[in-house]
């Protein structure tokens, strides 16, 4: 690592961003997993908008690709239609 103060600051900032992105990504993955495990249509439909919002935020921040976000949302919506 260089000794420039700006470089040291950049390393600190990158570390904070990495930790934040990892936390948000893992939280979203857990929410998706919990949503997929849900078997009741009413509970599923109540949780779906929150999970979709979390996915959109990850895509907006560049944590996941926008097409991956679209695929995830599509699969979740498709499952919502098929729950009896």
N, C-alpha and C. Protein backbone atom coordinates (compact mmCIF):
# COMPACT_ATOMS: atom_id res chain seq x y z
N UNK A 1 0.84 -1.18 0.00
CA UNK A 1 0.00 0.00 0.00
C UNK A 1 0.88 1.24 0.00
N UNK A 2 0.50 2.23 -0.78
CA UNK A 2 1.26 3.47 -0.86
C UNK A 2 1.10 4.26 0.43
N UNK A 3 1.98 5.20 0.61
CA UNK A 3 1.97 6.01 1.83
C UNK A 3 1.22 7.32 1.67
N UNK A 4 0.61 7.54 0.54
CA UNK A 4 -0.14 8.78 0.34
C UNK A 4 -1.40 8.76 1.20
N UNK A 5 -1.72 9.88 1.77
CA UNK A 5 -2.89 9.93 2.64
C UNK A 5 -4.17 9.65 1.85
N UNK A 6 -4.22 10.10 0.60
CA UNK A 6 -5.41 9.86 -0.22
C UNK A 6 -5.59 8.37 -0.50
N UNK A 7 -4.48 7.66 -0.67
CA UNK A 7 -4.56 6.23 -0.92
C UNK A 7 -5.03 5.50 0.33
N UNK A 8 -4.54 5.92 1.47
CA UNK A 8 -4.98 5.31 2.72
C UNK A 8 -6.48 5.52 2.94
N UNK A 9 -6.93 6.73 2.62
CA UNK A 9 -8.35 7.03 2.76
C UNK A 9 -9.17 6.16 1.79
N UNK A 10 -8.69 6.00 0.57
CA UNK A 10 -9.40 5.19 -0.41
C UNK A 10 -9.51 3.74 0.06
N UNK A 11 -8.47 3.23 0.70
CA UNK A 11 -8.50 1.87 1.23
C UNK A 11 -9.56 1.76 2.33
N UNK A 12 -9.62 2.76 3.20
CA UNK A 12 -10.63 2.75 4.25
C UNK A 12 -12.05 2.79 3.67
N UNK A 13 -12.23 3.65 2.67
CA UNK A 13 -13.55 3.78 2.06
C UNK A 13 -13.95 2.49 1.34
N UNK A 14 -13.01 1.88 0.63
CA UNK A 14 -13.30 0.64 -0.09
C UNK A 14 -13.67 -0.46 0.89
N UNK A 15 -13.01 -0.50 2.02
CA UNK A 15 -13.30 -1.51 3.03
C UNK A 15 -14.72 -1.33 3.58
N UNK A 16 -15.10 -0.09 3.84
CA UNK A 16 -16.45 0.17 4.34
C UNK A 16 -17.51 -0.21 3.30
N UNK A 17 -17.24 0.16 2.04
CA UNK A 17 -18.18 -0.17 0.97
C UNK A 17 -18.31 -1.68 0.79
N UNK A 18 -17.17 -2.38 0.85
CA UNK A 18 -17.18 -3.83 0.68
C UNK A 18 -17.99 -4.50 1.79
N UNK A 19 -17.77 -4.06 3.03
CA UNK A 19 -18.51 -4.63 4.15
C UNK A 19 -20.01 -4.36 4.02
N UNK A 20 -20.35 -3.14 3.62
CA UNK A 20 -21.76 -2.77 3.45
C UNK A 20 -22.40 -3.60 2.34
N UNK A 21 -21.69 -3.74 1.22
CA UNK A 21 -22.23 -4.50 0.10
C UNK A 21 -22.40 -5.97 0.46
N UNK A 22 -21.43 -6.53 1.19
CA UNK A 22 -21.53 -7.93 1.60
C UNK A 22 -22.72 -8.13 2.53
N UNK A 23 -22.90 -7.21 3.47
CA UNK A 23 -24.03 -7.31 4.40
C UNK A 23 -25.36 -7.22 3.66
N UNK A 24 -25.50 -6.22 2.80
CA UNK A 24 -26.76 -6.06 2.07
C UNK A 24 -27.03 -7.23 1.14
N UNK A 25 -25.98 -7.73 0.49
CA UNK A 25 -26.15 -8.87 -0.41
C UNK A 25 -26.58 -10.11 0.34
N UNK A 26 -25.95 -10.37 1.47
CA UNK A 26 -26.29 -11.56 2.25
C UNK A 26 -27.70 -11.44 2.84
N UNK A 27 -28.05 -10.25 3.31
CA UNK A 27 -29.38 -10.03 3.85
C UNK A 27 -30.45 -10.27 2.78
N UNK A 28 -30.18 -9.80 1.58
CA UNK A 28 -31.13 -9.98 0.48
C UNK A 28 -31.23 -11.45 0.11
N UNK A 29 -30.10 -12.15 0.05
CA UNK A 29 -30.14 -13.58 -0.26
C UNK A 29 -30.94 -14.36 0.78
N UNK A 30 -30.78 -14.00 2.03
CA UNK A 30 -31.55 -14.65 3.09
C UNK A 30 -33.04 -14.36 2.95
N UNK A 31 -33.37 -13.12 2.59
CA UNK A 31 -34.78 -12.75 2.41
C UNK A 31 -35.38 -13.53 1.24
N UNK A 32 -34.61 -13.70 0.17
CA UNK A 32 -35.09 -14.47 -0.99
C UNK A 32 -35.30 -15.93 -0.58
N UNK A 33 -34.35 -16.47 0.17
CA UNK A 33 -34.47 -17.86 0.62
C UNK A 33 -35.71 -18.04 1.49
N UNK A 34 -35.94 -17.13 2.41
CA UNK A 34 -37.11 -17.22 3.28
C UNK A 34 -38.41 -17.08 2.48
N UNK A 35 -38.39 -16.19 1.48
CA UNK A 35 -39.57 -16.00 0.65
C UNK A 35 -39.88 -17.26 -0.14
N UNK A 36 -38.86 -17.88 -0.71
CA UNK A 36 -39.07 -19.11 -1.48
C UNK A 36 -39.60 -20.23 -0.60
N UNK A 37 -39.22 -20.24 0.67
CA UNK A 37 -39.66 -21.28 1.58
C UNK A 37 -41.11 -21.08 2.02
N UNK A 38 -41.63 -19.88 1.84
CA UNK A 38 -43.00 -19.58 2.24
C UNK A 38 -43.99 -20.36 1.38
N UNK A 39 -44.99 -20.94 2.02
CA UNK A 39 -45.95 -21.76 1.29
C UNK A 39 -47.34 -21.12 1.21
N UNK A 40 -47.61 -20.13 2.03
CA UNK A 40 -48.91 -19.48 2.01
C UNK A 40 -48.90 -18.29 1.06
N UNK A 41 -49.90 -18.21 0.22
CA UNK A 41 -49.96 -17.15 -0.80
C UNK A 41 -50.03 -15.76 -0.18
N UNK A 42 -50.83 -15.61 0.87
CA UNK A 42 -50.98 -14.29 1.50
C UNK A 42 -49.65 -13.81 2.07
N UNK A 43 -48.95 -14.67 2.79
CA UNK A 43 -47.67 -14.30 3.37
C UNK A 43 -46.64 -14.01 2.28
N UNK A 44 -46.66 -14.81 1.22
CA UNK A 44 -45.74 -14.62 0.11
C UNK A 44 -45.96 -13.25 -0.54
N UNK A 45 -47.23 -12.95 -0.80
CA UNK A 45 -47.54 -11.68 -1.47
C UNK A 45 -47.24 -10.47 -0.60
N UNK A 46 -47.28 -10.65 0.73
CA UNK A 46 -46.94 -9.53 1.62
C UNK A 46 -45.44 -9.27 1.63
N UNK A 47 -44.65 -10.33 1.56
CA UNK A 47 -43.20 -10.19 1.62
C UNK A 47 -42.58 -9.81 0.28
N UNK A 48 -43.24 -10.17 -0.81
CA UNK A 48 -42.67 -9.98 -2.15
C UNK A 48 -42.24 -8.54 -2.45
N UNK A 49 -43.05 -7.51 -2.18
CA UNK A 49 -42.60 -6.15 -2.50
C UNK A 49 -41.34 -5.73 -1.75
N UNK A 50 -41.20 -6.16 -0.51
CA UNK A 50 -40.00 -5.81 0.26
C UNK A 50 -38.76 -6.46 -0.34
N UNK A 51 -38.88 -7.71 -0.74
CA UNK A 51 -37.74 -8.42 -1.32
C UNK A 51 -37.38 -7.83 -2.68
N UNK A 52 -38.38 -7.50 -3.46
CA UNK A 52 -38.13 -6.88 -4.77
C UNK A 52 -37.42 -5.55 -4.59
N UNK A 53 -37.81 -4.80 -3.59
CA UNK A 53 -37.16 -3.53 -3.30
C UNK A 53 -35.69 -3.74 -2.93
N UNK A 54 -35.42 -4.76 -2.13
CA UNK A 54 -34.04 -5.06 -1.74
C UNK A 54 -33.20 -5.42 -2.97
N UNK A 55 -33.78 -6.21 -3.87
CA UNK A 55 -33.08 -6.61 -5.09
C UNK A 55 -32.79 -5.39 -5.96
N UNK A 56 -33.78 -4.51 -6.09
CA UNK A 56 -33.59 -3.29 -6.89
C UNK A 56 -32.47 -2.42 -6.32
N UNK A 57 -32.38 -2.33 -5.01
CA UNK A 57 -31.34 -1.51 -4.39
C UNK A 57 -29.96 -2.09 -4.68
N UNK A 58 -29.85 -3.42 -4.64
CA UNK A 58 -28.56 -4.04 -4.95
C UNK A 58 -28.16 -3.76 -6.39
N UNK A 59 -29.12 -3.83 -7.29
CA UNK A 59 -28.82 -3.58 -8.70
C UNK A 59 -28.44 -2.12 -8.92
N UNK A 60 -29.15 -1.22 -8.24
CA UNK A 60 -28.87 0.21 -8.39
C UNK A 60 -27.46 0.55 -7.92
N UNK A 61 -27.03 -0.11 -6.84
CA UNK A 61 -25.72 0.16 -6.27
C UNK A 61 -24.61 -0.62 -6.96
N UNK A 62 -24.96 -1.49 -7.90
CA UNK A 62 -23.94 -2.23 -8.63
C UNK A 62 -23.44 -3.48 -7.93
N UNK A 63 -24.14 -3.92 -6.88
CA UNK A 63 -23.72 -5.12 -6.17
C UNK A 63 -24.03 -6.34 -7.02
N UNK A 64 -25.20 -6.32 -7.68
CA UNK A 64 -25.53 -7.36 -8.65
C UNK A 64 -25.88 -6.69 -9.97
N UNK A 65 -25.78 -7.45 -11.05
CA UNK A 65 -26.08 -6.91 -12.37
C UNK A 65 -27.58 -6.70 -12.52
N UNK A 66 -27.96 -5.72 -13.33
CA UNK A 66 -29.38 -5.40 -13.47
C UNK A 66 -30.16 -6.55 -14.10
N UNK A 67 -29.52 -7.33 -14.97
CA UNK A 67 -30.22 -8.47 -15.57
C UNK A 67 -30.43 -9.58 -14.54
N UNK A 68 -29.46 -9.77 -13.65
CA UNK A 68 -29.63 -10.76 -12.59
C UNK A 68 -30.79 -10.35 -11.69
N UNK A 69 -30.87 -9.06 -11.40
CA UNK A 69 -31.98 -8.56 -10.58
C UNK A 69 -33.31 -8.83 -11.28
N UNK A 70 -33.35 -8.57 -12.57
CA UNK A 70 -34.59 -8.80 -13.32
C UNK A 70 -34.95 -10.28 -13.32
N UNK A 71 -33.96 -11.15 -13.46
CA UNK A 71 -34.24 -12.59 -13.46
C UNK A 71 -34.74 -13.05 -12.10
N UNK A 72 -34.14 -12.55 -11.02
CA UNK A 72 -34.58 -12.92 -9.69
C UNK A 72 -36.03 -12.48 -9.46
N UNK A 73 -36.33 -11.24 -9.82
CA UNK A 73 -37.68 -10.72 -9.61
C UNK A 73 -38.69 -11.50 -10.44
N UNK A 74 -38.31 -11.85 -11.66
CA UNK A 74 -39.20 -12.60 -12.54
C UNK A 74 -39.52 -13.97 -11.95
N UNK A 75 -38.50 -14.65 -11.45
CA UNK A 75 -38.71 -15.97 -10.87
C UNK A 75 -39.60 -15.91 -9.63
N UNK A 76 -39.39 -14.88 -8.81
CA UNK A 76 -40.20 -14.74 -7.61
C UNK A 76 -41.66 -14.43 -7.96
N UNK A 77 -41.87 -13.59 -8.97
CA UNK A 77 -43.23 -13.25 -9.38
C UNK A 77 -43.92 -14.47 -9.99
N UNK A 78 -43.15 -15.25 -10.75
CA UNK A 78 -43.70 -16.45 -11.35
C UNK A 78 -44.13 -17.46 -10.28
N UNK A 79 -43.33 -17.58 -9.25
CA UNK A 79 -43.67 -18.48 -8.15
C UNK A 79 -44.92 -17.98 -7.42
N UNK A 80 -45.06 -16.67 -7.33
CA UNK A 80 -46.23 -16.09 -6.66
C UNK A 80 -47.51 -16.50 -7.39
N UNK A 81 -47.45 -16.54 -8.70
CA UNK A 81 -48.63 -16.89 -9.50
C UNK A 81 -48.97 -18.37 -9.37
N UNK A 82 -47.96 -19.20 -9.05
CA UNK A 82 -48.18 -20.63 -9.02
C UNK A 82 -48.50 -21.19 -7.64
N UNK A 83 -48.43 -20.34 -6.61
CA UNK A 83 -48.76 -20.82 -5.26
C UNK A 83 -50.27 -20.97 -5.15
N UNK A 84 -50.69 -22.10 -4.68
CA UNK A 84 -52.13 -22.35 -4.58
C UNK A 84 -52.72 -21.79 -3.31
